[in-house]
Amino acid sequence: MLHGDTTVDTLLDLVAHVDGLELGRLKPSTTLLVWTWNSCYQLVLEQGADGFLQGGSLFPEPTPAHIVGARVGRSLRKSGWIAVGLEMEFRVGDKFFVTSPVVAIATQSPNTPLSAGTFSTCKGSSGPGN
């Protein structure tokens, strides 16, 4: 939670030191599971921060989406990133969405066999390992 005495320098330092993923460095077809406080999302990357997102209460089917970035507050974001502790902002069509803070991220590289249940855990799960 941010407090009234939080400075821009403090926020920039926070964003610079978060654990997360720069989506542009991942190979196309990489699959991500992103758990937030309230939901779980599966994202299959196509190119950079573009891909197909599924999860939460609004996206029961894979939906074309652009990940805008990891967000702190209303206007500070680390573009093209998903980061633990920060909100994930994404765009579907011309509408923007912001998740609750991310609590965990799992990746599956393309052409790597999935272990049993690895990416089925979003369905009916409230968090990693549940």
N, C-alpha and C. Protein backbone atom coordinates (compact mmCIF):
# COMPACT_ATOMS: atom_id res chain seq x y z
N MET A 1 0.85 -1.18 0.00
CA MET A 1 0.00 0.00 0.00
C MET A 1 0.89 1.22 0.00
N LEU A 2 0.57 2.18 -0.85
CA LEU A 2 1.34 3.41 -0.93
C LEU A 2 0.79 4.41 0.07
N HIS A 3 1.70 5.19 0.67
CA HIS A 3 1.31 6.17 1.68
C HIS A 3 1.47 7.57 1.13
N GLY A 4 0.89 8.55 1.79
CA GLY A 4 0.92 9.93 1.35
C GLY A 4 2.32 10.51 1.24
N ASP A 5 3.29 10.00 2.00
CA ASP A 5 4.64 10.54 1.96
C ASP A 5 5.53 9.81 0.95
N THR A 6 4.96 8.97 0.11
CA THR A 6 5.72 8.26 -0.91
C THR A 6 6.15 9.23 -2.00
N THR A 7 7.44 9.23 -2.33
CA THR A 7 7.96 10.14 -3.35
C THR A 7 8.08 9.42 -4.69
N VAL A 8 8.25 10.20 -5.75
CA VAL A 8 8.46 9.62 -7.07
C VAL A 8 9.73 8.77 -7.06
N ASP A 9 10.78 9.23 -6.39
CA ASP A 9 12.02 8.45 -6.31
C ASP A 9 11.78 7.10 -5.65
N THR A 10 10.97 7.06 -4.61
CA THR A 10 10.64 5.81 -3.95
C THR A 10 9.91 4.87 -4.91
N LEU A 11 8.96 5.41 -5.66
CA LEU A 11 8.21 4.59 -6.61
C LEU A 11 9.12 4.07 -7.72
N LEU A 12 9.99 4.92 -8.25
CA LEU A 12 10.91 4.49 -9.31
C LEU A 12 11.85 3.41 -8.80
N ASP A 13 12.31 3.53 -7.56
CA ASP A 13 13.17 2.52 -6.96
C ASP A 13 12.41 1.21 -6.81
N LEU A 14 11.15 1.27 -6.40
CA LEU A 14 10.32 0.07 -6.27
C LEU A 14 10.18 -0.63 -7.61
N VAL A 15 9.83 0.12 -8.65
CA VAL A 15 9.62 -0.46 -9.97
C VAL A 15 10.91 -1.06 -10.51
N ALA A 16 12.04 -0.46 -10.20
CA ALA A 16 13.33 -0.94 -10.69
C ALA A 16 13.77 -2.24 -10.03
N HIS A 17 13.22 -2.55 -8.87
CA HIS A 17 13.68 -3.70 -8.10
C HIS A 17 12.63 -4.79 -7.87
N VAL A 18 11.61 -4.83 -8.69
CA VAL A 18 10.59 -5.86 -8.54
C VAL A 18 10.98 -7.12 -9.29
N ASP A 19 10.49 -8.26 -8.82
CA ASP A 19 10.67 -9.52 -9.54
C ASP A 19 9.59 -9.61 -10.61
N GLY A 20 10.02 -9.82 -11.83
CA GLY A 20 9.04 -9.90 -12.90
C GLY A 20 9.67 -10.33 -14.20
N LEU A 21 8.88 -10.22 -15.25
CA LEU A 21 9.29 -10.65 -16.58
C LEU A 21 9.13 -9.53 -17.58
N GLU A 22 10.15 -9.32 -18.40
CA GLU A 22 10.04 -8.42 -19.54
C GLU A 22 9.54 -9.25 -20.71
N LEU A 23 8.32 -9.03 -21.13
CA LEU A 23 7.67 -9.88 -22.11
C LEU A 23 8.39 -9.89 -23.45
N GLY A 24 9.01 -8.80 -23.84
CA GLY A 24 9.71 -8.72 -25.11
C GLY A 24 10.93 -9.64 -25.19
N ARG A 25 11.39 -10.14 -24.05
CA ARG A 25 12.55 -11.05 -24.03
C ARG A 25 12.14 -12.51 -24.12
N LEU A 26 10.84 -12.78 -24.05
CA LEU A 26 10.36 -14.16 -24.10
C LEU A 26 10.07 -14.57 -25.54
N LYS A 27 10.24 -15.85 -25.82
CA LYS A 27 9.98 -16.37 -27.16
C LYS A 27 8.48 -16.41 -27.43
N PRO A 28 8.10 -16.20 -28.70
CA PRO A 28 6.69 -16.39 -29.06
C PRO A 28 6.24 -17.80 -28.66
N SER A 29 5.00 -17.94 -28.30
CA SER A 29 4.36 -19.18 -27.84
C SER A 29 4.73 -19.54 -26.41
N THR A 30 5.48 -18.68 -25.70
CA THR A 30 5.70 -18.91 -24.27
C THR A 30 4.36 -18.75 -23.57
N THR A 31 4.08 -19.65 -22.63
CA THR A 31 2.85 -19.59 -21.85
C THR A 31 3.17 -19.11 -20.44
N LEU A 32 2.37 -18.19 -19.95
CA LEU A 32 2.53 -17.68 -18.59
C LEU A 32 1.26 -17.95 -17.80
N LEU A 33 1.44 -18.27 -16.55
CA LEU A 33 0.34 -18.26 -15.59
C LEU A 33 0.63 -17.11 -14.65
N VAL A 34 -0.35 -16.24 -14.47
CA VAL A 34 -0.19 -15.08 -13.60
C VAL A 34 -1.29 -15.12 -12.55
N TRP A 35 -0.87 -15.31 -11.29
CA TRP A 35 -1.83 -15.30 -10.19
C TRP A 35 -1.85 -13.91 -9.59
N THR A 36 -3.05 -13.38 -9.38
CA THR A 36 -3.21 -12.11 -8.69
C THR A 36 -3.91 -12.39 -7.37
N TRP A 37 -4.14 -11.36 -6.57
CA TRP A 37 -4.86 -11.55 -5.32
C TRP A 37 -6.23 -12.18 -5.55
N ASN A 38 -6.86 -11.85 -6.68
CA ASN A 38 -8.24 -12.27 -6.90
C ASN A 38 -8.46 -13.29 -8.00
N SER A 39 -7.50 -13.48 -8.89
CA SER A 39 -7.75 -14.31 -10.07
C SER A 39 -6.47 -14.99 -10.55
N CYS A 40 -6.64 -15.80 -11.57
CA CYS A 40 -5.51 -16.41 -12.26
C CYS A 40 -5.74 -16.20 -13.75
N TYR A 41 -4.65 -15.87 -14.45
CA TYR A 41 -4.71 -15.63 -15.89
C TYR A 41 -3.69 -16.50 -16.58
N GLN A 42 -4.07 -17.05 -17.72
CA GLN A 42 -3.14 -17.75 -18.59
C GLN A 42 -2.92 -16.86 -19.80
N LEU A 43 -1.66 -16.66 -20.16
CA LEU A 43 -1.31 -15.81 -21.28
C LEU A 43 -0.36 -16.57 -22.19
N VAL A 44 -0.74 -16.69 -23.46
CA VAL A 44 0.13 -17.30 -24.47
C VAL A 44 0.62 -16.16 -25.35
N LEU A 45 1.92 -15.91 -25.32
CA LEU A 45 2.50 -14.79 -26.05
C LEU A 45 2.59 -15.09 -27.53
N GLU A 46 2.29 -14.09 -28.35
CA GLU A 46 2.52 -14.19 -29.79
C GLU A 46 3.80 -13.45 -30.15
N GLN A 47 3.84 -12.17 -29.84
CA GLN A 47 5.01 -11.34 -30.13
C GLN A 47 5.08 -10.24 -29.10
N GLY A 48 6.20 -10.13 -28.41
CA GLY A 48 6.35 -9.08 -27.40
C GLY A 48 5.28 -9.18 -26.34
N ALA A 49 4.53 -8.10 -26.15
CA ALA A 49 3.50 -8.05 -25.12
C ALA A 49 2.11 -8.39 -25.67
N ASP A 50 2.04 -8.92 -26.89
CA ASP A 50 0.76 -9.32 -27.48
C ASP A 50 0.57 -10.82 -27.38
N GLY A 51 -0.66 -11.22 -27.13
CA GLY A 51 -0.93 -12.65 -27.05
C GLY A 51 -2.39 -12.91 -26.79
N PHE A 52 -2.67 -14.10 -26.27
CA PHE A 52 -4.03 -14.51 -25.94
C PHE A 52 -4.12 -14.69 -24.44
N LEU A 53 -5.07 -13.98 -23.82
CA LEU A 53 -5.26 -13.99 -22.38
C LEU A 53 -6.56 -14.72 -22.05
N GLN A 54 -6.52 -15.53 -21.00
CA GLN A 54 -7.71 -16.23 -20.53
C GLN A 54 -7.67 -16.22 -19.02
N GLY A 55 -8.82 -15.96 -18.39
CA GLY A 55 -8.88 -16.03 -16.94
C GLY A 55 -9.65 -14.88 -16.32
N GLY A 56 -9.60 -14.85 -15.00
CA GLY A 56 -10.39 -13.88 -14.28
C GLY A 56 -11.87 -14.15 -14.53
N SER A 57 -12.71 -13.23 -14.14
CA SER A 57 -14.15 -13.44 -14.34
C SER A 57 -14.62 -12.96 -15.70
N LEU A 58 -13.80 -12.19 -16.41
CA LEU A 58 -14.26 -11.58 -17.67
C LEU A 58 -13.81 -12.30 -18.93
N PHE A 59 -12.81 -13.19 -18.82
CA PHE A 59 -12.23 -13.80 -20.02
C PHE A 59 -12.18 -15.32 -19.90
N PRO A 60 -13.35 -15.98 -20.03
CA PRO A 60 -13.39 -17.44 -19.90
C PRO A 60 -12.75 -18.16 -21.08
N GLU A 61 -12.61 -17.47 -22.21
CA GLU A 61 -12.00 -18.05 -23.41
C GLU A 61 -10.76 -17.25 -23.78
N PRO A 62 -9.79 -17.87 -24.47
CA PRO A 62 -8.61 -17.11 -24.92
C PRO A 62 -9.04 -15.90 -25.76
N THR A 63 -8.52 -14.73 -25.39
CA THR A 63 -8.92 -13.46 -25.99
C THR A 63 -7.67 -12.69 -26.39
N PRO A 64 -7.62 -12.16 -27.62
CA PRO A 64 -6.46 -11.36 -28.01
C PRO A 64 -6.30 -10.16 -27.06
N ALA A 65 -5.08 -9.97 -26.56
CA ALA A 65 -4.82 -8.90 -25.58
C ALA A 65 -3.41 -8.37 -25.75
N HIS A 66 -3.22 -7.14 -25.29
CA HIS A 66 -1.89 -6.52 -25.24
C HIS A 66 -1.60 -6.19 -23.78
N ILE A 67 -0.49 -6.68 -23.26
CA ILE A 67 -0.10 -6.37 -21.89
C ILE A 67 0.57 -5.00 -21.91
N VAL A 68 -0.06 -4.04 -21.28
CA VAL A 68 0.48 -2.68 -21.23
C VAL A 68 1.69 -2.65 -20.32
N GLY A 69 1.57 -3.27 -19.14
CA GLY A 69 2.71 -3.33 -18.24
C GLY A 69 2.32 -3.54 -16.79
N ALA A 70 3.35 -3.51 -15.93
CA ALA A 70 3.18 -3.63 -14.49
C ALA A 70 2.93 -2.23 -13.96
N ARG A 71 1.90 -2.07 -13.15
CA ARG A 71 1.43 -0.74 -12.77
C ARG A 71 1.50 -0.51 -11.27
N VAL A 72 1.93 0.70 -10.91
CA VAL A 72 1.91 1.19 -9.53
C VAL A 72 1.04 2.43 -9.53
N GLY A 73 -0.01 2.45 -8.75
CA GLY A 73 -0.89 3.61 -8.73
C GLY A 73 -1.61 3.76 -10.06
N ARG A 74 -1.99 4.98 -10.38
CA ARG A 74 -2.77 5.21 -11.60
C ARG A 74 -1.94 5.52 -12.82
N SER A 75 -0.71 5.99 -12.64
CA SER A 75 -0.01 6.45 -13.83
C SER A 75 1.41 5.94 -13.99
N LEU A 76 1.99 5.30 -12.99
CA LEU A 76 3.36 4.83 -13.10
C LEU A 76 3.34 3.36 -13.48
N ARG A 77 3.98 3.03 -14.62
CA ARG A 77 4.00 1.64 -15.04
C ARG A 77 5.34 1.30 -15.65
N LYS A 78 5.67 0.03 -15.58
CA LYS A 78 6.86 -0.51 -16.23
C LYS A 78 6.33 -1.21 -17.48
N SER A 79 6.45 -0.55 -18.62
CA SER A 79 5.84 -1.01 -19.87
C SER A 79 6.40 -2.36 -20.31
N GLY A 80 5.49 -3.24 -20.78
CA GLY A 80 5.90 -4.53 -21.31
C GLY A 80 6.34 -5.53 -20.26
N TRP A 81 6.04 -5.28 -19.01
CA TRP A 81 6.44 -6.16 -17.90
C TRP A 81 5.22 -6.70 -17.18
N ILE A 82 5.41 -7.84 -16.52
CA ILE A 82 4.50 -8.35 -15.50
C ILE A 82 5.38 -8.54 -14.27
N ALA A 83 4.96 -7.99 -13.13
CA ALA A 83 5.83 -8.01 -11.96
C ALA A 83 5.06 -8.38 -10.70
N VAL A 84 5.69 -9.17 -9.86
CA VAL A 84 5.11 -9.57 -8.57
C VAL A 84 4.98 -8.34 -7.68
N GLY A 85 3.81 -8.19 -7.08
CA GLY A 85 3.54 -7.07 -6.18
C GLY A 85 2.90 -5.87 -6.87
N LEU A 86 2.92 -5.86 -8.20
CA LEU A 86 2.32 -4.76 -8.95
C LEU A 86 1.09 -5.25 -9.70
N GLU A 87 0.22 -4.32 -10.06
CA GLU A 87 -0.96 -4.67 -10.85
C GLU A 87 -0.55 -4.93 -12.29
N MET A 88 -1.30 -5.77 -12.97
CA MET A 88 -1.07 -6.02 -14.39
C MET A 88 -2.13 -5.23 -15.16
N GLU A 89 -1.67 -4.38 -16.08
CA GLU A 89 -2.59 -3.62 -16.92
C GLU A 89 -2.54 -4.20 -18.33
N PHE A 90 -3.71 -4.45 -18.92
CA PHE A 90 -3.76 -4.98 -20.27
C PHE A 90 -4.92 -4.35 -21.03
N ARG A 91 -4.83 -4.47 -22.35
CA ARG A 91 -5.84 -3.90 -23.23
C ARG A 91 -6.42 -5.01 -24.08
N VAL A 92 -7.74 -5.04 -24.16
CA VAL A 92 -8.48 -5.93 -25.06
C VAL A 92 -9.32 -5.03 -25.95
N GLY A 93 -8.99 -5.02 -27.25
CA GLY A 93 -9.65 -4.07 -28.15
C GLY A 93 -9.28 -2.66 -27.73
N ASP A 94 -10.30 -1.84 -27.49
CA ASP A 94 -10.03 -0.46 -27.06
C ASP A 94 -10.30 -0.25 -25.58
N LYS A 95 -10.48 -1.35 -24.81
CA LYS A 95 -10.76 -1.25 -23.37
C LYS A 95 -9.54 -1.67 -22.57
N PHE A 96 -9.27 -0.93 -21.50
CA PHE A 96 -8.15 -1.22 -20.60
C PHE A 96 -8.67 -1.87 -19.34
N PHE A 97 -7.88 -2.82 -18.80
CA PHE A 97 -8.22 -3.55 -17.58
C PHE A 97 -7.01 -3.54 -16.66
N VAL A 98 -7.26 -3.53 -15.36
CA VAL A 98 -6.19 -3.58 -14.37
C VAL A 98 -6.56 -4.66 -13.36
N THR A 99 -5.61 -5.55 -13.10
CA THR A 99 -5.84 -6.63 -12.15
C THR A 99 -5.49 -6.16 -10.74
N SER A 100 -5.82 -6.99 -9.77
CA SER A 100 -5.27 -6.80 -8.44
C SER A 100 -3.78 -7.15 -8.50
N PRO A 101 -3.00 -6.85 -7.46
CA PRO A 101 -1.56 -7.12 -7.51
C PRO A 101 -1.22 -8.58 -7.80
N VAL A 102 -0.18 -8.76 -8.60
CA VAL A 102 0.31 -10.10 -8.96
C VAL A 102 1.03 -10.71 -7.75
N VAL A 103 0.72 -11.99 -7.48
CA VAL A 103 1.38 -12.68 -6.37
C VAL A 103 2.36 -13.74 -6.85
N ALA A 104 2.20 -14.24 -8.07
CA ALA A 104 3.13 -15.25 -8.59
C ALA A 104 3.00 -15.33 -10.10
N ILE A 105 4.12 -15.72 -10.74
CA ILE A 105 4.16 -15.89 -12.19
C ILE A 105 4.89 -17.20 -12.47
N ALA A 106 4.33 -18.02 -13.36
CA ALA A 106 4.99 -19.25 -13.81
C ALA A 106 5.11 -19.18 -15.33
N THR A 107 6.22 -19.69 -15.87
CA THR A 107 6.41 -19.68 -17.32
C THR A 107 6.59 -21.10 -17.84
N GLN A 108 6.18 -21.28 -19.07
CA GLN A 108 6.38 -22.54 -19.79
C GLN A 108 6.91 -22.19 -21.16
N SER A 109 8.15 -22.54 -21.44
CA SER A 109 8.76 -22.22 -22.74
C SER A 109 8.08 -22.99 -23.85
N PRO A 110 8.11 -22.44 -25.07
CA PRO A 110 7.53 -23.17 -26.19
C PRO A 110 8.29 -24.47 -26.45
N ASN A 111 7.60 -25.46 -26.98
CA ASN A 111 8.19 -26.77 -27.32
C ASN A 111 8.72 -27.54 -26.12
N THR A 112 8.27 -27.18 -24.92
CA THR A 112 8.63 -27.93 -23.72
C THR A 112 7.38 -28.65 -23.25
N PRO A 113 7.47 -29.98 -23.06
CA PRO A 113 6.27 -30.69 -22.63
C PRO A 113 5.78 -30.19 -21.27
N LEU A 114 4.48 -30.07 -21.14
CA LEU A 114 3.90 -29.67 -19.86
C LEU A 114 3.88 -30.86 -18.92
N SER A 115 4.25 -30.61 -17.67
CA SER A 115 4.10 -31.66 -16.67
C SER A 115 2.63 -31.71 -16.27
N ALA A 116 2.21 -32.83 -15.75
CA ALA A 116 0.80 -33.05 -15.44
C ALA A 116 0.25 -31.92 -14.57
N GLY A 117 -0.78 -31.26 -15.05
CA GLY A 117 -1.47 -30.25 -14.26
C GLY A 117 -0.81 -28.89 -14.20
N THR A 118 0.32 -28.70 -14.85
CA THR A 118 1.04 -27.44 -14.71
C THR A 118 0.18 -26.24 -15.06
N PHE A 119 -0.49 -26.28 -16.21
CA PHE A 119 -1.25 -25.12 -16.64
C PHE A 119 -2.75 -25.33 -16.55
N SER A 120 -3.17 -26.34 -15.86
CA SER A 120 -4.60 -26.50 -15.63
C SER A 120 -4.96 -25.92 -14.27
N THR A 121 -3.96 -25.41 -13.53
CA THR A 121 -4.22 -24.95 -12.17
C THR A 121 -4.98 -23.64 -12.09
N CYS A 122 -5.12 -22.90 -13.20
CA CYS A 122 -5.92 -21.68 -13.16
C CYS A 122 -7.40 -22.00 -12.92
N LYS A 123 -7.86 -23.07 -13.49
CA LYS A 123 -9.28 -23.41 -13.35
C LYS A 123 -9.56 -23.86 -11.93
N GLY A 124 -10.40 -23.10 -11.25
CA GLY A 124 -10.78 -23.45 -9.89
C GLY A 124 -9.70 -23.18 -8.86
N SER A 125 -8.70 -22.42 -9.21
CA SER A 125 -7.60 -22.16 -8.28
C SER A 125 -7.63 -20.73 -7.80
N SER A 126 -7.33 -20.54 -6.54
CA SER A 126 -7.22 -19.19 -6.01
C SER A 126 -5.79 -18.77 -5.86
N GLY A 127 -4.84 -19.64 -6.21
CA GLY A 127 -3.44 -19.26 -6.10
C GLY A 127 -2.55 -20.39 -6.49
N PRO A 128 -1.24 -20.13 -6.59
CA PRO A 128 -0.30 -21.18 -6.99
C PRO A 128 -0.30 -22.33 -6.02
N GLY A 129 -0.33 -23.52 -6.56
CA GLY A 129 -0.27 -24.71 -5.72
C GLY A 129 -1.60 -25.14 -5.14
N ASN A 130 -2.67 -24.36 -5.34
CA ASN A 130 -4.00 -24.74 -4.81
C ASN A 130 -4.76 -25.57 -5.79
